[in-house]
PDB file of N, CA and C in Angstrom:
ATOM      1  N   MET A   1      45.144 -18.366  -3.820  1.00  0.00           N
ATOM      2  CA  MET A   1      43.931 -18.681  -3.631  1.00  0.00           C
ATOM      3  C   MET A   1      43.785 -18.990  -2.376  1.00  0.00           C
ATOM      4  N   LYS A   2      42.407 -18.198  -1.843  1.00  0.00           N
ATOM      5  CA  LYS A   2      41.760 -19.123  -0.247  1.00  0.00           C
ATOM      6  C   LYS A   2      40.711 -20.077  -0.361  1.00  0.00           C
ATOM      7  N   LYS A   3      40.766 -20.865  -0.026  1.00  0.00           N
ATOM      8  CA  LYS A   3      39.848 -22.051  -0.126  1.00  0.00           C
ATOM      9  C   LYS A   3      39.111 -22.236   1.206  1.00  0.00           C
ATOM     10  N   LEU A   4      37.688 -22.303   0.980  1.00  0.00           N
ATOM     11  CA  LEU A   4      36.912 -22.564   2.070  1.00  0.00           C
ATOM     12  C   LEU A   4      36.566 -23.923   1.950  1.00  0.00           C
ATOM     13  N   GLY A   5      36.700 -24.583   2.781  1.00  0.00           N
ATOM     14  CA  GLY A   5      36.090 -25.740   2.990  1.00  0.00           C
ATOM     15  C   GLY A   5      36.241 -26.800   1.928  1.00  0.00           C
ATOM     16  N   GLY A   6      37.474 -26.370   1.478  1.00  0.00           N
ATOM     17  CA  GLY A   6      37.992 -27.113   0.229  1.00  0.00           C
ATOM     18  C   GLY A   6      37.230 -27.479  -0.688  1.00  0.00           C
ATOM     19  N   ALA A   7      35.887 -26.612  -0.823  1.00  0.00           N
ATOM     20  CA  ALA A   7      35.035 -26.409  -2.303  1.00  0.00           C
ATOM     21  C   ALA A   7      34.976 -25.296  -2.859  1.00  0.00           C
ATOM     22  N   ILE A   8      35.403 -24.041  -2.409  1.00  0.00           N
ATOM     23  CA  ILE A   8      34.957 -22.656  -2.694  1.00  0.00           C
ATOM     24  C   ILE A   8      36.341 -22.369  -2.700  1.00  0.00           C
ATOM     25  N   GLY A   9      36.825 -21.855  -3.715  1.00  0.00           N
ATOM     26  CA  GLY A   9      37.930 -20.734  -3.872  1.00  0.00           C
ATOM     27  C   GLY A   9      37.687 -19.448  -3.922  1.00  0.00           C
ATOM     28  N   ILE A  10      38.552 -18.511  -3.398  1.00  0.00           N
ATOM     29  CA  ILE A  10      38.274 -17.148  -3.672  1.00  0.00           C
ATOM     30  C   ILE A  10      39.859 -16.469  -4.285  1.00  0.00           C
ATOM     31  N   ALA A  11      40.035 -15.892  -5.405  1.00  0.00           N
ATOM     32  CA  ALA A  11      40.805 -15.035  -5.705  1.00  0.00           C
ATOM     33  C   ALA A  11      41.114 -13.438  -6.070  1.00  0.00           C
ATOM     34  N   GLN A  12      41.692 -13.230  -5.809  1.00  0.00           N
ATOM     35  CA  GLN A  12      41.541 -11.580  -5.912  1.00  0.00           C
ATOM     36  C   GLN A  12      42.704 -10.278  -6.388  1.00  0.00           C
ATOM     37  N   GLY A  13      41.958  -9.557  -7.206  1.00  0.00           N
ATOM     38  CA  GLY A  13      43.812  -8.923  -7.383  1.00  0.00           C
ATOM     39  C   GLY A  13      43.197  -7.736  -7.498  1.00  0.00           C
ATOM     40  N   ASN A  14      43.978  -6.228  -8.065  1.00  0.00           N
ATOM     41  CA  ASN A  14      43.945  -5.204  -8.277  1.00  0.00           C
ATOM     42  C   ASN A  14      44.645  -4.528  -9.346  1.00  0.00           C
ATOM     43  N   ASP A  15      44.318  -4.308 -10.623  1.00  0.00           N
ATOM     44  CA  ASP A  15      45.030  -4.397 -11.713  1.00  0.00           C
ATOM     45  C   ASP A  15      45.180  -2.426 -12.276  1.00  0.00           C
ATOM     46  N   VAL A  16      45.956  -2.247 -12.620  1.00  0.00           N
ATOM     47  CA  VAL A  16      45.961  -1.170 -13.598  1.00  0.00           C
ATOM     48  C   VAL A  16      45.509  -1.237 -14.971  1.00  0.00           C
ATOM     49  N   ILE A  17      44.481  -0.632 -15.859  1.00  0.00           N
ATOM     50  CA  ILE A  17      44.299  -1.236 -16.414  1.00  0.00           C
ATOM     51  C   ILE A  17      44.546   0.001 -17.918  1.00  0.00           C
ATOM     52  N   PHE A  18      44.829   0.850 -17.468  1.00  0.00           N
ATOM     53  CA  PHE A  18      45.930   1.823 -18.773  1.00  0.00           C
ATOM     54  C   PHE A  18      45.942   3.120 -17.839  1.00  0.00           C
ATOM     55  N   GLU A  19      47.230   3.688 -18.299  1.00  0.00           N
ATOM     56  CA  GLU A  19      47.543   4.731 -17.853  1.00  0.00           C
ATOM     57  C   GLU A  19      47.734   5.944 -19.025  1.00  0.00           C
ATOM     58  N   HIS A  20      46.687   6.892 -19.421  1.00  0.00           N
ATOM     59  CA  HIS A  20      46.331   7.255 -20.755  1.00  0.00           C
ATOM     60  C   HIS A  20      47.229   8.786 -21.051  1.00  0.00           C
ATOM     61  N   PHE A  21      47.383   9.345 -19.686  1.00  0.00           N
ATOM     62  CA  PHE A  21      47.541  10.679 -19.339  1.00  0.00           C
ATOM     63  C   PHE A  21      49.107  11.325 -20.009  1.00  0.00           C
ATOM     64  N   GLN A  22      49.754  10.099 -19.720  1.00  0.00           N
ATOM     65  CA  GLN A  22      51.339  10.705 -19.959  1.00  0.00           C
ATOM     66  C   GLN A  22      51.763  10.892 -21.702  1.00  0.00           C
ATOM     67  N   ASP A  23      50.993   9.692 -22.270  1.00  0.00           N
ATOM     68  CA  ASP A  23      51.324   9.611 -23.603  1.00  0.00           C
ATOM     69  C   ASP A  23      50.213   9.869 -24.670  1.00  0.00           C
ATOM     70  N   GLY A  24      49.297  10.908 -24.023  1.00  0.00           N
ATOM     71  CA  GLY A  24      48.190  11.332 -25.254  1.00  0.00           C
ATOM     72  C   GLY A  24      47.663   9.944 -25.613  1.00  0.00           C
ATOM     73  N   GLY A  25      47.147   8.932 -24.486  1.00  0.00           N
ATOM     74  CA  GLY A  25      46.351   7.888 -25.469  1.00  0.00           C
ATOM     75  C   GLY A  25      45.025   8.078 -25.420  1.00  0.00           C
ATOM     76  N   GLU A  26      44.245   7.237 -26.074  1.00  0.00           N
ATOM     77  CA  GLU A  26      42.487   7.113 -26.657  1.00  0.00           C
ATOM     78  C   GLU A  26      42.082   7.945 -25.382  1.00  0.00           C
ATOM     79  N   MET A  27      42.221   7.171 -24.401  1.00  0.00           N
ATOM     80  CA  MET A  27      40.933   7.460 -23.476  1.00  0.00           C
ATOM     81  C   MET A  27      41.409   8.925 -22.506  1.00  0.00           C
ATOM     82  N   TRP A  28      42.451   9.263 -22.843  1.00  0.00           N
ATOM     83  CA  TRP A  28      42.916  10.883 -22.150  1.00  0.00           C
ATOM     84  C   TRP A  28      42.126  12.136 -23.039  1.00  0.00           C
ATOM     85  N   THR A  29      42.739  11.735 -24.608  1.00  0.00           N
ATOM     86  CA  THR A  29      42.237  12.320 -25.603  1.00  0.00           C
ATOM     87  C   THR A  29      40.869  12.702 -25.814  1.00  0.00           C
ATOM     88  N   GLY A  30      40.054  11.336 -25.714  1.00  0.00           N
ATOM     89  CA  GLY A  30      38.804  11.356 -26.155  1.00  0.00           C
ATOM     90  C   GLY A  30      38.303  11.031 -27.328  1.00  0.00           C
ATOM     91  N   LYS A  31      39.227  10.409 -28.059  1.00  0.00           N
ATOM     92  CA  LYS A  31      39.318  10.072 -29.431  1.00  0.00           C
ATOM     93  C   LYS A  31      39.450   8.672 -29.750  1.00  0.00           C
ATOM     94  N   GLY A  32      38.906   7.857 -30.584  1.00  0.00           N
ATOM     95  CA  GLY A  32      39.509   6.952 -31.080  1.00  0.00           C
ATOM     96  C   GLY A  32      38.996   5.925 -30.218  1.00  0.00           C
ATOM     97  N   ASN A  33      39.183   4.704 -30.078  1.00  0.00           N
ATOM     98  CA  ASN A  33      39.164   2.998 -28.804  1.00  0.00           C
ATOM     99  C   ASN A  33      38.690   3.814 -28.005  1.00  0.00           C
ATOM    100  N   ARG A  34      37.263   3.490 -27.453  1.00  0.00           N
ATOM    101  CA  ARG A  34      36.427   3.571 -26.019  1.00  0.00           C
ATOM    102  C   ARG A  34      36.842   2.446 -25.138  1.00  0.00           C
ATOM    103  N   GLU A  35      37.212   1.041 -25.512  1.00  0.00           N
ATOM    104  CA  GLU A  35      37.166   0.390 -24.900  1.00  0.00           C
ATOM    105  C   GLU A  35      38.443  -0.348 -24.285  1.00  0.00           C
ATOM    106  N   ILE A  36      38.830  -0.381 -23.286  1.00  0.00           N
ATOM    107  CA  ILE A  36      40.136  -1.277 -23.068  1.00  0.00           C
ATOM    108  C   ILE A  36      39.596  -2.572 -22.359  1.00  0.00           C
ATOM    109  N   VAL A  37      40.471  -3.561 -22.826  1.00  0.00           N
ATOM    110  CA  VAL A  37      40.086  -5.056 -22.604  1.00  0.00           C
ATOM    111  C   VAL A  37      41.795  -5.579 -22.004  1.00  0.00           C
ATOM    112  N   LYS A  38      41.726  -6.078 -20.346  1.00  0.00           N
ATOM    113  CA  LYS A  38      43.006  -6.568 -19.890  1.00  0.00           C
ATOM    114  C   LYS A  38      42.362  -7.806 -19.570  1.00  0.00           C
ATOM    115  N   PRO A  39      43.195  -8.678 -20.304  1.00  0.00           N
ATOM    116  CA  PRO A  39      43.252 -10.236 -19.718  1.00  0.00           C
ATOM    117  C   PRO A  39      43.753 -10.462 -18.627  1.00  0.00           C
ATOM    118  N   VAL A  40      42.703 -11.261 -17.836  1.00  0.00           N
ATOM    119  CA  VAL A  40      43.311 -11.749 -16.250  1.00  0.00           C
ATOM    120  C   VAL A  40      43.456 -13.319 -16.205  1.00  0.00           C
ATOM    121  N   ILE A  41      44.653 -13.431 -15.775  1.00  0.00           N
ATOM    122  CA  ILE A  41      44.970 -14.966 -15.798  1.00  0.00           C
ATOM    123  C   ILE A  41      44.882 -15.343 -14.356  1.00  0.00           C
ATOM    124  N   PHE A  42      44.032 -16.455 -13.448  1.00  0.00           N
ATOM    125  CA  PHE A  42      43.946 -16.723 -12.227  1.00  0.00           C
ATOM    126  C   PHE A  42      45.210 -17.365 -11.906  1.00  0.00           C
ATOM    127  N   ARG A  43      46.054 -17.222 -11.288  1.00  0.00           N
ATOM    128  CA  ARG A  43      46.935 -18.098 -10.454  1.00  0.00           C
ATOM    129  C   ARG A  43      46.678 -19.798 -10.070  1.00  0.00           C
ATOM    130  N   GLU A  44      45.937 -19.860 -10.315  1.00  0.00           N
ATOM    131  CA  GLU A  44      45.221 -21.352  -9.627  1.00  0.00           C
ATOM    132  C   GLU A  44      43.951 -21.504 -10.540  1.00  0.00           C
ATOM    133  N   ALA A  45      44.055 -22.664 -10.870  1.00  0.00           N
ATOM    134  CA  ALA A  45      42.382 -22.396 -11.751  1.00  0.00           C
ATOM    135  C   ALA A  45      41.089 -23.147 -11.155  1.00  0.00           C
ATOM    136  N   PHE A  46      40.496 -22.433 -11.429  1.00  0.00           N
ATOM    137  CA  PHE A  46      38.665 -23.187 -10.286  1.00  0.00           C
ATOM    138  C   PHE A  46      38.502 -24.243 -11.587  1.00  0.00           C
ATOM    139  N   SER A  47      37.960 -25.149 -10.874  1.00  0.00           N
ATOM    140  CA  SER A  47      37.511 -26.380 -11.401  1.00  0.00           C
ATOM    141  C   SER A  47      35.900 -26.106 -12.467  1.00  0.00           C
ATOM    142  N   ALA A  48      35.456 -24.672 -12.583  1.00  0.00           N
ATOM    143  CA  ALA A  48      34.455 -24.786 -13.322  1.00  0.00           C
ATOM    144  C   ALA A  48      34.479 -23.142 -12.855  1.00  0.00           C
ATOM    145  N   PRO A  49      33.964 -22.167 -14.181  1.00  0.00           N
ATOM    146  CA  PRO A  49      33.779 -20.501 -14.202  1.00  0.00           C
ATOM    147  C   PRO A  49      33.001 -19.859 -13.053  1.00  0.00           C
ATOM    148  N   PRO A  50      34.217 -19.426 -11.880  1.00  0.00           N
ATOM    149  CA  PRO A  50      33.757 -18.676 -11.109  1.00  0.00           C
ATOM    150  C   PRO A  50      32.842 -17.375 -11.338  1.00  0.00           C
ATOM    151  N   ASN A  51      31.814 -16.887 -10.408  1.00  0.00           N
ATOM    152  CA  ASN A  51      31.606 -15.435 -10.848  1.00  0.00           C
ATOM    153  C   ASN A  51      32.765 -14.528  -9.920  1.00  0.00           C
ATOM    154  N   VAL A  52      32.245 -13.904 -10.749  1.00  0.00           N
ATOM    155  CA  VAL A  52      33.475 -12.138 -10.903  1.00  0.00           C
ATOM    156  C   VAL A  52      33.097 -11.374 -10.610  1.00  0.00           C
ATOM    157  N   HIS A  53      33.268 -10.453  -9.386  1.00  0.00           N
ATOM    158  CA  HIS A  53      32.946  -9.017  -9.162  1.00  0.00           C
ATOM    159  C   HIS A  53      34.318  -8.125  -9.596  1.00  0.00           C
ATOM    160  N   CYS A  54      33.650  -6.818 -10.046  1.00  0.00           N
ATOM    161  CA  CYS A  54      34.465  -5.883 -10.584  1.00  0.00           C
ATOM    162  C   CYS A  54      34.421  -4.900 -10.280  1.00  0.00           C
ATOM    163  N   SER A  55      35.767  -3.723  -9.705  1.00  0.00           N
ATOM    164  CA  SER A  55      35.406  -2.428  -9.115  1.00  0.00           C
ATOM    165  C   SER A  55      36.141  -1.667  -9.164  1.00  0.00           C
ATOM    166  N   LEU A  56      35.844  -0.241  -9.227  1.00  0.00           N
ATOM    167  CA  LEU A  56      36.929   0.465  -9.978  1.00  0.00           C
ATOM    168  C   LEU A  56      37.380   0.918  -8.435  1.00  0.00           C
ATOM    169  N   THR A  57      38.939   0.778  -8.268  1.00  0.00           N
ATOM    170  CA  THR A  57      39.561   0.994  -7.154  1.00  0.00           C
ATOM    171  C   THR A  57      40.482   2.437  -7.081  1.00  0.00           C
ATOM    172  N   LEU A  58      40.329   2.868  -8.710  1.00  0.00           N
ATOM    173  CA  LEU A  58      41.225   4.493  -8.884  1.00  0.00           C
ATOM    174  C   LEU A  58      40.533   4.554 -10.096  1.00  0.00           C
ATOM    175  N   TRP A  59      40.165   6.073 -10.269  1.00  0.00           N
ATOM    176  CA  TRP A  59      40.078   6.977 -11.587  1.00  0.00           C
ATOM    177  C   TRP A  59      40.402   8.391 -11.569  1.00  0.00           C
ATOM    178  N   ASP A  60      40.993   8.438 -12.383  1.00  0.00           N
ATOM    179  CA  ASP A  60      41.560   9.565 -12.548  1.00  0.00           C
ATOM    180  C   ASP A  60      41.011  10.711 -13.798  1.00  0.00           C
ATOM    181  N   VAL A  61      39.815  11.577 -13.782  1.00  0.00           N
ATOM    182  CA  VAL A  61      39.392  11.831 -14.999  1.00  0.00           C
ATOM    183  C   VAL A  61      39.296  13.321 -14.910  1.00  0.00           C
ATOM    184  N   ASP A  62      39.271  13.919 -15.976  1.00  0.00           N
ATOM    185  CA  ASP A  62      39.569  15.627 -16.741  1.00  0.00           C
ATOM    186  C   ASP A  62      38.045  16.156 -15.727  1.00  0.00           C
ATOM    187  N   SER A  63      38.281  17.474 -15.250  1.00  0.00           N
ATOM    188  CA  SER A  63      37.112  17.596 -14.613  1.00  0.00           C
ATOM    189  C   SER A  63      36.282  18.265 -15.313  1.00  0.00           C
ATOM    190  N   ASP A  64      36.500  18.608 -16.848  1.00  0.00           N
ATOM    191  CA  ASP A  64      35.681  19.661 -17.719  1.00  0.00           C
ATOM    192  C   ASP A  64      34.761  18.999 -18.588  1.00  0.00           C
ATOM    193  N   THR A  65      34.908  17.342 -18.042  1.00  0.00           N
ATOM    194  CA  THR A  65      33.697  16.544 -19.326  1.00  0.00           C
ATOM    195  C   THR A  65      32.996  15.680 -18.481  1.00  0.00           C
ATOM    196  N   ASN A  66      31.544  15.043 -18.411  1.00  0.00           N
ATOM    197  CA  ASN A  66      31.236  14.204 -17.911  1.00  0.00           C
ATOM    198  C   ASN A  66      31.931  12.964 -17.622  1.00  0.00           C
ATOM    199  N   VAL A  67      31.614  12.640 -16.748  1.00  0.00           N
ATOM    200  CA  VAL A  67      32.354  11.110 -15.936  1.00  0.00           C
ATOM    201  C   VAL A  67      31.079   9.844 -16.198  1.00  0.00           C
ATOM    202  N   ARG A  68      31.521   9.240 -17.316  1.00  0.00           N
ATOM    203  CA  ARG A  68      31.052   8.115 -17.998  1.00  0.00           C
ATOM    204  C   ARG A  68      32.111   6.720 -17.901  1.00  0.00           C
ATOM    205  N   ALA A  69      31.392   5.548 -17.134  1.00  0.00           N
ATOM    206  CA  ALA A  69      32.079   4.496 -17.214  1.00  0.00           C
ATOM    207  C   ALA A  69      31.271   3.256 -16.579  1.00  0.00           C
ATOM    208  N   ASP A  70      31.782   2.012 -17.139  1.00  0.00           N
ATOM    209  CA  ASP A  70      31.288   0.860 -17.551  1.00  0.00           C
ATOM    210  C   ASP A  70      32.394  -0.147 -17.241  1.00  0.00           C
ATOM    211  N   ILE A  71      32.602  -0.996 -16.212  1.00  0.00           N
ATOM    212  CA  ILE A  71      33.564  -2.170 -16.113  1.00  0.00           C
ATOM    213  C   ILE A  71      33.188  -3.268 -15.482  1.00  0.00           C
ATOM    214  N   GLU A  72      33.236  -4.375 -16.621  1.00  0.00           N
ATOM    215  CA  GLU A  72      32.912  -5.766 -16.158  1.00  0.00           C
ATOM    216  C   GLU A  72      33.477  -6.778 -16.734  1.00  0.00           C
ATOM    217  N   ALA A  73      33.509  -8.053 -16.166  1.00  0.00           N
ATOM    218  CA  ALA A  73      33.825  -9.213 -16.172  1.00  0.00           C
ATOM    219  C   ALA A  73      33.453  -9.493 -17.163  1.00  0.00           C
ATOM    220  N   GLU A  74      34.330 -10.162 -18.827  1.00  0.00           N
ATOM    221  CA  GLU A  74      33.770 -10.871 -19.686  1.00  0.00           C
ATOM    222  C   GLU A  74      34.701 -12.326 -20.317  1.00  0.00           C
ATOM    223  N   ASN A  75      34.153 -13.180 -20.680  1.00  0.00           N
ATOM    224  CA  ASN A  75      34.650 -14.599 -21.618  1.00  0.00           C
ATOM    225  C   ASN A  75      35.317 -14.804 -19.905  1.00  0.00           C
ATOM    226  N   ILE A  76      34.170 -14.971 -19.234  1.00  0.00           N
ATOM    227  CA  ILE A  76      34.877 -15.987 -17.926  1.00  0.00           C
ATOM    228  C   ILE A  76      34.983 -17.476 -18.183  1.00  0.00           C
ATOM    229  N   THR A  77      36.241 -17.872 -17.711  1.00  0.00           N
ATOM    230  CA  THR A  77      36.475 -19.418 -17.617  1.00  0.00           C
ATOM    231  C   THR A  77      36.694 -19.585 -16.407  1.00  0.00           C
ATOM    232  N   ASP A  78      37.538 -21.073 -16.378  1.00  0.00           N
ATOM    233  CA  ASP A  78      38.330 -21.468 -15.025  1.00  0.00           C
ATOM    234  C   ASP A  78      39.736 -21.031 -14.998  1.00  0.00           C
ATOM    235  N   THR A  79      40.168 -20.557 -15.702  1.00  0.00           N
ATOM    236  CA  THR A  79      41.493 -19.946 -16.005  1.00  0.00           C
ATOM    237  C   THR A  79      41.785 -18.832 -15.833  1.00  0.00           C
ATOM    238  N   GLY A  80      40.696 -17.875 -16.157  1.00  0.00           N
ATOM    239  CA  GLY A  80      40.561 -16.115 -15.908  1.00  0.00           C
ATOM    240  C   GLY A  80      39.881 -15.537 -16.497  1.00  0.00           C
ATOM    241  N   PHE A  81      39.802 -14.523 -17.478  1.00  0.00           N
ATOM    242  CA  PHE A  81      38.620 -13.836 -17.736  1.00  0.00           C
ATOM    243  C   PHE A  81      38.871 -12.469 -18.165  1.00  0.00           C
ATOM    244  N   ASP A  82      38.466 -11.604 -19.065  1.00  0.00           N
ATOM    245  CA  ASP A  82      38.602 -10.530 -19.562  1.00  0.00           C
ATOM    246  C   ASP A  82      38.006  -9.502 -19.145  1.00  0.00           C
ATOM    247  N   LEU A  83      39.258  -8.164 -18.368  1.00  0.00           N
ATOM    248  CA  LEU A  83      38.475  -7.136 -17.671  1.00  0.00           C
ATOM    249  C   LEU A  83      38.389  -6.237 -18.640  1.00  0.00           C
ATOM    250  N   VAL A  84      37.147  -5.687 -18.267  1.00  0.00           N
ATOM    251  CA  VAL A  84      37.016  -4.790 -19.857  1.00  0.00           C
ATOM    252  C   VAL A  84      36.264  -3.152 -19.303  1.00  0.00           C
ATOM    253  N   PHE A  85      37.048  -2.558 -19.606  1.00  0.00           N
ATOM    254  CA  PHE A  85      36.349  -0.922 -19.231  1.00  0.00           C
ATOM    255  C   PHE A  85      36.014  -0.168 -20.295  1.00  0.00           C
ATOM    256  N   ARG A  86      34.914   0.497 -20.487  1.00  0.00           N
ATOM    257  CA  ARG A  86      34.684   1.340 -21.577  1.00  0.00           C
ATOM    258  C   ARG A  86      33.875   2.773 -20.968  1.00  0.00           C
ATOM    259  N   THR A  87      34.232   3.638 -22.091  1.00  0.00           N
ATOM    260  CA  THR A  87      33.541   4.893 -21.302  1.00  0.00           C
ATOM    261  C   THR A  87      33.249   5.572 -22.916  1.00  0.00           C
ATOM    262  N   TRP A  88      32.596   6.498 -23.333  1.00  0.00           N
ATOM    263  CA  TRP A  88      31.904   7.139 -24.275  1.00  0.00           C
ATOM    264  C   TRP A  88      31.457   8.682 -24.035  1.00  0.00           C
ATOM    265  N   GLY A  89      31.291   9.277 -24.881  1.00  0.00           N
ATOM    266  CA  GLY A  89      30.817  10.518 -25.079  1.00  0.00           C
ATOM    267  C   GLY A  89      32.231  11.413 -25.310  1.00  0.00           C
ATOM    268  N   ASP A  90      32.107  12.604 -24.806  1.00  0.00           N
ATOM    269  CA  ASP A  90      33.173  13.373 -24.365  1.00  0.00           C
ATOM    270  C   ASP A  90      34.401  13.161 -23.209  1.00  0.00           C
ATOM    271  N   THR A  91      34.006  11.895 -22.575  1.00  0.00           N
ATOM    272  CA  THR A  91      34.745  11.627 -21.222  1.00  0.00           C
ATOM    273  C   THR A  91      36.020  11.478 -21.104  1.00  0.00           C
ATOM    274  N   LYS A  92      36.592  11.865 -20.861  1.00  0.00           N
ATOM    275  CA  LYS A  92      38.156  11.671 -20.806  1.00  0.00           C
ATOM    276  C   LYS A  92      38.848  11.402 -19.543  1.00  0.00           C
ATOM    277  N   ILE A  93      39.554  10.496 -19.603  1.00  0.00           N
ATOM    278  CA  ILE A  93      40.066   9.225 -18.243  1.00  0.00           C
ATOM    279  C   ILE A  93      41.718   9.369 -18.567  1.00  0.00           C
ATOM    280  N   ALA A  94      42.285   9.759 -17.598  1.00  0.00           N
ATOM    281  CA  ALA A  94      43.651   9.704 -17.704  1.00  0.00           C
ATOM    282  C   ALA A  94      44.328   8.028 -17.436  1.00  0.00           C
ATOM    283  N   ARG A  95      43.541   7.701 -15.838  1.00  0.00           N
ATOM    284  CA  ARG A  95      44.282   6.411 -15.573  1.00  0.00           C
ATOM    285  C   ARG A  95      43.128   5.725 -14.772  1.00  0.00           C
ATOM    286  N   ILE A  96      42.713   4.269 -15.052  1.00  0.00           N
ATOM    287  CA  ILE A  96      42.077   3.296 -14.551  1.00  0.00           C
ATOM    288  C   ILE A  96      43.032   2.583 -14.061  1.00  0.00           C
ATOM    289  N   ARG A  97      42.009   2.044 -12.315  1.00  0.00           N
ATOM    290  CA  ARG A  97      42.802   0.867 -11.770  1.00  0.00           C
ATOM    291  C   ARG A  97      41.593   0.018 -11.294  1.00  0.00           C
ATOM    292  N   ALA A  98      41.678  -1.261 -11.234  1.00  0.00           N
ATOM    293  CA  ALA A  98      40.451  -2.415 -11.087  1.00  0.00           C
ATOM    294  C   ALA A  98      40.745  -3.348  -9.964  1.00  0.00           C
ATOM    295  N   GLY A  99      40.023  -3.359  -9.190  1.00  0.00           N
ATOM    296  CA  GLY A  99      39.480  -4.934  -8.148  1.00  0.00           C
ATOM    297  C   GLY A  99      38.696  -5.400  -8.457  1.00  0.00           C
ATOM    298  N   TRP A 100      39.134  -6.690  -8.761  1.00  0.00           N
ATOM    299  CA  TRP A 100      37.808  -7.506  -9.116  1.00  0.00           C
ATOM    300  C   TRP A 100      38.047  -9.188  -8.068  1.00  0.00           C
ATOM    301  N   MET A 101      37.192  -9.780  -7.951  1.00  0.00           N
ATOM    302  CA  MET A 101      36.905 -10.941  -6.876  1.00  0.00           C
ATOM    303  C   MET A 101      36.515 -12.234  -7.784  1.00  0.00           C
ATOM    304  N   ALA A 102      36.952 -13.014  -7.623  1.00  0.00           N
ATOM    305  CA  ALA A 102      36.014 -14.000  -8.556  1.00  0.00           C
ATOM    306  C   ALA A 102      35.747 -15.384  -7.042  1.00  0.00           C
ATOM    307  N   ILE A 103      34.740 -15.834  -7.042  1.00  0.00           N
ATOM    308  CA  ILE A 103      34.497 -17.165  -6.016  1.00  0.00           C
ATOM    309  C   ILE A 103      33.918 -18.221  -6.694  1.00  0.00           C
ATOM    310  N   GLY A 104      34.426 -19.672  -6.535  1.00  0.00           N
ATOM    311  CA  GLY A 104      33.897 -20.364  -7.195  1.00  0.00           C
ATOM    312  C   GLY A 104      34.501 -21.658  -6.771  1.00  0.00           C
ATOM    313  N   PRO A 105      34.353 -22.850  -7.228  1.00  0.00           N
ATOM    314  CA  PRO A 105      34.236 -24.408  -7.025  1.00  0.00           C
ATOM    315  C   PRO A 105      35.872 -24.443  -7.547  1.00  0.00           C
ATOM    316  N   VAL A 106      36.095 -25.230  -6.707  1.00  0.00           N
ATOM    317  CA  VAL A 106      37.818 -25.543  -6.750  1.00  0.00           C
ATOM    318  C   VAL A 106      38.431 -27.074  -6.203  1.00  0.00           C
ATOM    319  N   SER A 107      39.044 -27.805  -7.295  1.00  0.00           N
ATOM    320  CA  SER A 107      39.079 -29.461  -6.705  1.00  0.00           C
ATOM    321  C   SER A 107      39.915 -29.159  -5.120  1.00  0.00           C
ATOM    322  N   ASN A 108      39.008 -30.300  -4.768  1.00  0.00           N
ATOM    323  CA  ASN A 108      39.320 -30.929  -3.627  1.00  0.00           C
ATOM    324  C   ASN A 108      40.600 -31.871  -3.624  1.00  0.00           C
ATOM    325  N   ASP A 109      40.994 -32.487  -2.557  1.00  0.00           N
ATOM    326  CA  ASP A 109      41.748 -33.537  -2.301  1.00  0.00           C
ATOM    327  C   ASP A 109      41.118 -34.761  -2.277  1.00  0.00           C
ATOM    328  N   ASP A 110      39.900 -34.606  -1.523  1.00  0.00           N
ATOM    329  CA  ASP A 110      38.744 -35.331  -1.488  1.00  0.00           C
ATOM    330  C   ASP A 110      38.086 -35.991  -3.046  1.00  0.00           C
ATOM    331  N   ASP A 111      38.110 -35.195  -3.551  1.00  0.00           N
ATOM    332  CA  ASP A 111      37.389 -35.366  -5.265  1.00  0.00           C
ATOM    333  C   ASP A 111      37.965 -36.621  -5.827  1.00  0.00           C
ATOM    334  N   TRP A 112      37.306 -37.565  -5.966  1.00  0.00           N
ATOM    335  CA  TRP A 112      37.543 -38.797  -6.656  1.00  0.00           C
ATOM    336  C   TRP A 112      37.249 -38.642  -8.280  1.00  0.00           C
ATOM    337  N   GLU A 113      38.208 -38.761  -9.129  1.00  0.00           N
ATOM    338  CA  GLU A 113      37.765 -39.011 -10.716  1.00  0.00           C
ATOM    339  C   GLU A 113      37.632 -40.562 -10.954  1.00  0.00           C
ATOM    340  N   LEU A 114      36.759 -41.067 -11.322  1.00  0.00           N
ATOM    341  CA  LEU A 114      36.752 -42.546 -11.840  1.00  0.00           C
ATOM    342  C   LEU A 114      36.906 -42.766 -13.224  1.00  0.00           C
ATOM    343  N   TYR A 115      37.683 -43.373 -13.929  1.00  0.00           N
ATOM    344  CA  TYR A 115      37.633 -43.520 -15.277  1.00  0.00           C
ATOM    345  C   TYR A 115      37.491 -42.434 -15.774  1.00  0.00           C
TER     346      TYR A 115
END
């Protein structure tokens, strides 16, 4: 985690959410569960839940269907969050990789906790 001025921390990552083309997974066949949840744990905890930004860094989709995607951070805590990818309709997706950045308050050596 990078710390700015001792009070703000920035954590970031890039995670493969799924690869369904090799084994005929639900996202690639277009049938079944159309949501994938990937838990993300921060290497170092924030002192309160941070703001989290998510984006697609790779998507491999079928060219014969409409491309539909929704990606977001849910259940954000000071120690992590759920990276959630959704699609719907006839969309077929082979694989997805997502980048994320969390920005929030961190503990500082100058912070005091009295009793």
